[in-house]
Structures are given as structure tokens and as C-alpha cells.
Amino acid sequence: MHSKNGSRRKWGEKSGAREELVKRNNKIRREFKEGKTIEELADQFYLSINSIKKIVYSKRE
């Protein structure tokens, strides 16, 4: 699947899934900074502890 300029779209761009994940990950980072624990975030967002760690300790904002 190519866009008009010939470059491929990244996963989730057409459906909006990628944007939703960015919003979710930013919310996870914000709540972590506000004091929620990794375990609380894992339960709240139905993710593994390792997944939460990858999100909160990544350099992306």
C-alpha cells in the first residue's frame, strides 16, 4: 500500500490505531509521573509490567 508520493504508510496510520497508541502511551507516562506505580498502570491499561516499563522508560514523548 503506497501513498500518492510513493512512500509506504506506517502501521496503523490509515485506521488511526497508531495515533490512539501514542495518546495511550502519553497518558501512561503522565500518570506514572504523577505517582502511579508500574503495577497499577499495568492493571489499569491491561498491559504487562514489562510493557509498561518499556513505555515509561522510553525516550519518546
C-alpha atoms as a PDB file:
ATOM      1  CA  MET A   1       0.000   0.000   0.000  1.00  0.00           C
ATOM      2  CA  HIS A   2       1.611   3.213  -1.152  1.00  0.00           C
ATOM      3  CA  SER A   3       0.520   6.798  -0.700  1.00  0.00           C
ATOM      4  CA  LYS A   4       0.446   9.245  -3.600  1.00  0.00           C
ATOM      5  CA  ASN A   5       4.055  10.340  -3.106  1.00  0.00           C
ATOM      6  CA  GLY A   6       5.257   6.723  -3.309  1.00  0.00           C
ATOM      7  CA  SER A   7       6.205   6.195   0.332  1.00  0.00           C
ATOM      8  CA  ARG A   8       4.624   3.438   2.375  1.00  0.00           C
ATOM      9  CA  ARG A   9       2.300   4.230   5.241  1.00  0.00           C
ATOM     10  CA  LYS A  10       3.315   3.060   8.668  1.00  0.00           C
ATOM     11  CA  TRP A  11       1.242   0.538  10.585  1.00  0.00           C
ATOM     12  CA  GLY A  12      -1.998   1.998  11.900  1.00  0.00           C
ATOM     13  CA  GLU A  13      -1.847   5.345  10.102  1.00  0.00           C
ATOM     14  CA  LYS A  14      -4.904   4.786   7.947  1.00  0.00           C
ATOM     15  CA  SER A  15      -7.107   3.400  10.742  1.00  0.00           C
ATOM     16  CA  GLY A  16      -5.892   5.816  13.409  1.00  0.00           C
ATOM     17  CA  ALA A  17      -4.631   2.989  15.615  1.00  0.00           C
ATOM     18  CA  ARG A  18      -1.128   4.447  15.748  1.00  0.00           C
ATOM     19  CA  GLU A  19      -2.443   7.809  16.973  1.00  0.00           C
ATOM     20  CA  GLU A  20      -4.541   6.081  19.651  1.00  0.00           C
ATOM     21  CA  LEU A  21      -1.479   4.192  20.912  1.00  0.00           C
ATOM     22  CA  VAL A  22       0.513   7.422  21.104  1.00  0.00           C
ATOM     23  CA  LYS A  23      -2.278   9.022  23.160  1.00  0.00           C
ATOM     24  CA  ARG A  24      -2.497   5.978  25.449  1.00  0.00           C
ATOM     25  CA  ASN A  25       1.269   5.861  25.963  1.00  0.00           C
ATOM     26  CA  ASN A  26       1.391   9.581  26.763  1.00  0.00           C
ATOM     27  CA  LYS A  27      -1.377   9.080  29.329  1.00  0.00           C
ATOM     28  CA  ILE A  28       0.568   6.187  30.877  1.00  0.00           C
ATOM     29  CA  ARG A  29       3.716   8.360  31.106  1.00  0.00           C
ATOM     30  CA  ARG A  30       1.760  11.251  32.637  1.00  0.00           C
ATOM     31  CA  GLU A  31       0.103   9.069  35.263  1.00  0.00           C
ATOM     32  CA  PHE A  32       3.456   7.456  36.102  1.00  0.00           C
ATOM     33  CA  LYS A  33       4.983  10.907  36.636  1.00  0.00           C
ATOM     34  CA  GLU A  34       2.021  11.783  38.854  1.00  0.00           C
ATOM     35  CA  GLY A  35       2.823   8.852  41.132  1.00  0.00           C
ATOM     36  CA  LYS A  36       1.008   5.755  39.902  1.00  0.00           C
ATOM     37  CA  THR A  37       3.034   2.571  40.206  1.00  0.00           C
ATOM     38  CA  ILE A  38       4.010   0.329  37.308  1.00  0.00           C
ATOM     39  CA  GLU A  39       1.739  -2.371  38.749  1.00  0.00           C
ATOM     40  CA  GLU A  40      -1.257  -0.013  38.985  1.00  0.00           C
ATOM     41  CA  LEU A  41      -0.750   1.110  35.392  1.00  0.00           C
ATOM     42  CA  ALA A  42      -0.443  -2.495  34.179  1.00  0.00           C
ATOM     43  CA  ASP A  43      -3.792  -3.332  35.816  1.00  0.00           C
ATOM     44  CA  GLN A  44      -5.467  -0.144  34.591  1.00  0.00           C
ATOM     45  CA  PHE A  45      -4.383  -0.495  30.956  1.00  0.00           C
ATOM     46  CA  TYR A  46      -4.430  -4.322  30.769  1.00  0.00           C
ATOM     47  CA  LEU A  47      -0.748  -4.487  29.856  1.00  0.00           C
ATOM     48  CA  SER A  48       2.147  -6.480  31.257  1.00  0.00           C
ATOM     49  CA  ILE A  49       4.533  -4.893  33.726  1.00  0.00           C
ATOM     50  CA  ASN A  50       7.290  -5.188  31.100  1.00  0.00           C
ATOM     51  CA  SER A  51       5.155  -3.331  28.536  1.00  0.00           C
ATOM     52  CA  ILE A  52       4.506  -0.504  30.997  1.00  0.00           C
ATOM     53  CA  LYS A  53       8.222  -0.283  31.812  1.00  0.00           C
ATOM     54  CA  LYS A  54       9.077   0.000  28.103  1.00  0.00           C
ATOM     55  CA  ILE A  55       6.589   2.868  27.766  1.00  0.00           C
ATOM     56  CA  VAL A  56       7.522   4.874  30.861  1.00  0.00           C
ATOM     57  CA  TYR A  57      11.281   4.452  30.465  1.00  0.00           C
ATOM     58  CA  SER A  58      11.412   5.151  26.712  1.00  0.00           C
ATOM     59  CA  LYS A  59      12.702   8.483  25.467  1.00  0.00           C
ATOM     60  CA  ARG A  60       9.608   9.207  23.326  1.00  0.00           C
ATOM     61  CA  GLU A  61       7.253  11.966  24.378  1.00  0.00           C
END
